[in-house]
Amino acid sequence: MAVDKELLEVLACPKCKGEVEINAKGDGIVCNTCRLVYPVKDDIPVMLVDEASELGD
């Protein structure tokens, strides 16, 4: 996992301020409330709503 667990604990969804988790591939941060996936580029989470994609089923 590229994103540090301590960093993941303090990150929040910028849209709803809810909890987030890393996806199974490790290339995205997921907010299950908003159903958005924020990308991780070069081991850095890009927590911008405009950069997020919708969570697939």
Foldseek 3Di string as FASTA:
>chain_A
DLADPVVLVPDAQPVPRHHWDADPVRQWIADPVQQWTFGQDPSRTDRDPVRIDGHDD
